[in-house]
Amino acid sequence: MEKDKHLGLRIDSETHKKLKSLSEFDGRSINGEVLYLIRQAISQHEKKHGTLK
């Protein structure tokens, strides 16, 4: 099984504050919220343009 990848992310304070609020509202950690949002974006892209490799 392949290990999880690490992704460093620089984010401005205002976006971090809003992301934190969003993650708390959804009952997720900030990391969990970022993963959820990325997966949602990939899913939307694939629906419009086809499966990514």
N, C-alpha and C. Protein backbone atom coordinates (compact mmCIF):
# COMPACT_ATOMS: atom_id res chain seq x y z
N MET A 1 0.84 -1.18 0.00
CA MET A 1 0.00 0.00 0.00
C MET A 1 0.88 1.25 0.00
N GLU A 2 0.54 2.20 -0.83
CA GLU A 2 1.32 3.43 -0.93
C GLU A 2 1.06 4.32 0.29
N LYS A 3 2.11 4.95 0.78
CA LYS A 3 1.97 5.85 1.92
C LYS A 3 1.24 7.12 1.51
N ASP A 4 0.59 7.76 2.49
CA ASP A 4 -0.04 9.05 2.24
C ASP A 4 1.03 10.08 1.91
N LYS A 5 0.67 11.02 1.07
CA LYS A 5 1.59 12.08 0.68
C LYS A 5 1.40 13.28 1.60
N HIS A 6 2.45 14.03 1.79
CA HIS A 6 2.41 15.25 2.59
C HIS A 6 2.37 16.44 1.65
N LEU A 7 1.51 17.39 1.94
CA LEU A 7 1.39 18.59 1.13
C LEU A 7 1.48 19.80 2.04
N GLY A 8 2.56 20.58 1.92
CA GLY A 8 2.67 21.82 2.67
C GLY A 8 1.83 22.88 1.97
N LEU A 9 1.13 23.70 2.72
CA LEU A 9 0.25 24.69 2.12
C LEU A 9 0.41 26.02 2.84
N ARG A 10 0.71 27.04 2.09
CA ARG A 10 0.77 28.39 2.66
C ARG A 10 -0.58 29.03 2.39
N ILE A 11 -1.13 29.64 3.43
CA ILE A 11 -2.47 30.21 3.33
C ILE A 11 -2.52 31.50 4.13
N ASP A 12 -3.18 32.51 3.56
CA ASP A 12 -3.26 33.78 4.27
C ASP A 12 -4.19 33.66 5.48
N SER A 13 -4.05 34.57 6.42
CA SER A 13 -4.77 34.50 7.70
C SER A 13 -6.28 34.52 7.53
N GLU A 14 -6.78 35.37 6.64
CA GLU A 14 -8.22 35.47 6.45
C GLU A 14 -8.81 34.18 5.88
N THR A 15 -8.15 33.60 4.90
CA THR A 15 -8.62 32.33 4.33
C THR A 15 -8.54 31.23 5.37
N HIS A 16 -7.48 31.20 6.17
CA HIS A 16 -7.35 30.20 7.23
C HIS A 16 -8.48 30.34 8.24
N LYS A 17 -8.79 31.56 8.62
CA LYS A 17 -9.88 31.81 9.57
C LYS A 17 -11.20 31.28 9.03
N LYS A 18 -11.48 31.54 7.76
CA LYS A 18 -12.73 31.09 7.15
C LYS A 18 -12.74 29.57 6.98
N LEU A 19 -11.61 28.99 6.61
CA LEU A 19 -11.50 27.55 6.48
C LEU A 19 -11.73 26.87 7.82
N LYS A 20 -11.17 27.44 8.88
CA LYS A 20 -11.36 26.91 10.23
C LYS A 20 -12.83 26.95 10.61
N SER A 21 -13.50 28.06 10.34
CA SER A 21 -14.93 28.17 10.64
C SER A 21 -15.74 27.16 9.85
N LEU A 22 -15.41 27.00 8.57
CA LEU A 22 -16.11 26.05 7.71
C LEU A 22 -15.91 24.62 8.22
N SER A 23 -14.69 24.28 8.57
CA SER A 23 -14.41 22.92 9.04
C SER A 23 -15.13 22.64 10.36
N GLU A 24 -15.17 23.61 11.24
CA GLU A 24 -15.89 23.44 12.51
C GLU A 24 -17.39 23.27 12.26
N PHE A 25 -17.94 24.04 11.35
CA PHE A 25 -19.36 23.94 11.00
C PHE A 25 -19.68 22.55 10.47
N ASP A 26 -18.79 22.00 9.66
CA ASP A 26 -19.00 20.69 9.05
C ASP A 26 -18.54 19.53 9.94
N GLY A 27 -17.97 19.84 11.10
CA GLY A 27 -17.52 18.80 12.03
C GLY A 27 -16.28 18.07 11.56
N ARG A 28 -15.42 18.77 10.84
CA ARG A 28 -14.19 18.17 10.35
C ARG A 28 -12.99 18.93 10.90
N SER A 29 -11.84 18.29 10.82
CA SER A 29 -10.59 19.01 11.09
C SER A 29 -10.31 19.89 9.87
N ILE A 30 -9.39 20.81 10.01
CA ILE A 30 -9.02 21.64 8.85
C ILE A 30 -8.47 20.74 7.75
N ASN A 31 -7.62 19.79 8.10
CA ASN A 31 -7.07 18.86 7.11
C ASN A 31 -8.19 18.08 6.43
N GLY A 32 -9.14 17.59 7.20
CA GLY A 32 -10.27 16.86 6.65
C GLY A 32 -11.10 17.72 5.71
N GLU A 33 -11.27 18.97 6.07
CA GLU A 33 -12.03 19.90 5.22
C GLU A 33 -11.31 20.16 3.90
N VAL A 34 -10.00 20.35 3.97
CA VAL A 34 -9.21 20.57 2.75
C VAL A 34 -9.31 19.35 1.84
N LEU A 35 -9.17 18.16 2.40
CA LEU A 35 -9.30 16.94 1.60
C LEU A 35 -10.68 16.82 0.97
N TYR A 36 -11.71 17.13 1.75
CA TYR A 36 -13.09 17.09 1.25
C TYR A 36 -13.26 18.06 0.07
N LEU A 37 -12.77 19.28 0.22
CA LEU A 37 -12.91 20.29 -0.83
C LEU A 37 -12.13 19.90 -2.09
N ILE A 38 -10.94 19.36 -1.91
CA ILE A 38 -10.15 18.91 -3.06
C ILE A 38 -10.87 17.78 -3.79
N ARG A 39 -11.39 16.82 -3.03
CA ARG A 39 -12.11 15.70 -3.65
C ARG A 39 -13.37 16.18 -4.38
N GLN A 40 -14.05 17.16 -3.81
CA GLN A 40 -15.24 17.73 -4.46
C GLN A 40 -14.84 18.39 -5.79
N ALA A 41 -13.75 19.15 -5.79
CA ALA A 41 -13.28 19.82 -7.01
C ALA A 41 -12.90 18.79 -8.07
N ILE A 42 -12.22 17.72 -7.67
CA ILE A 42 -11.84 16.67 -8.62
C ILE A 42 -13.08 16.01 -9.20
N SER A 43 -14.03 15.70 -8.35
CA SER A 43 -15.26 15.06 -8.80
C SER A 43 -16.01 15.94 -9.81
N GLN A 44 -16.12 17.22 -9.51
CA GLN A 44 -16.79 18.15 -10.43
C GLN A 44 -16.05 18.24 -11.76
N HIS A 45 -14.73 18.28 -11.70
CA HIS A 45 -13.93 18.33 -12.91
C HIS A 45 -14.13 17.08 -13.76
N GLU A 46 -14.11 15.93 -13.11
CA GLU A 46 -14.26 14.67 -13.82
C GLU A 46 -15.65 14.53 -14.45
N LYS A 47 -16.66 15.02 -13.79
CA LYS A 47 -18.01 14.99 -14.36
C LYS A 47 -18.09 15.81 -15.64
N LYS A 48 -17.36 16.90 -15.67
CA LYS A 48 -17.39 17.79 -16.83
C LYS A 48 -16.42 17.36 -17.92
N HIS A 49 -15.23 16.86 -17.55
CA HIS A 49 -14.16 16.61 -18.50
C HIS A 49 -13.71 15.16 -18.63
N GLY A 50 -14.26 14.27 -17.81
CA GLY A 50 -13.84 12.87 -17.85
C GLY A 50 -12.83 12.55 -16.76
N THR A 51 -12.63 11.28 -16.56
CA THR A 51 -11.78 10.77 -15.47
C THR A 51 -10.34 11.22 -15.64
N LEU A 52 -9.76 11.67 -14.54
CA LEU A 52 -8.34 12.02 -14.50
C LEU A 52 -7.52 10.76 -14.28
N LYS A 53 -6.28 10.79 -14.73
CA LYS A 53 -5.38 9.65 -14.52
C LYS A 53 -4.63 9.81 -13.23
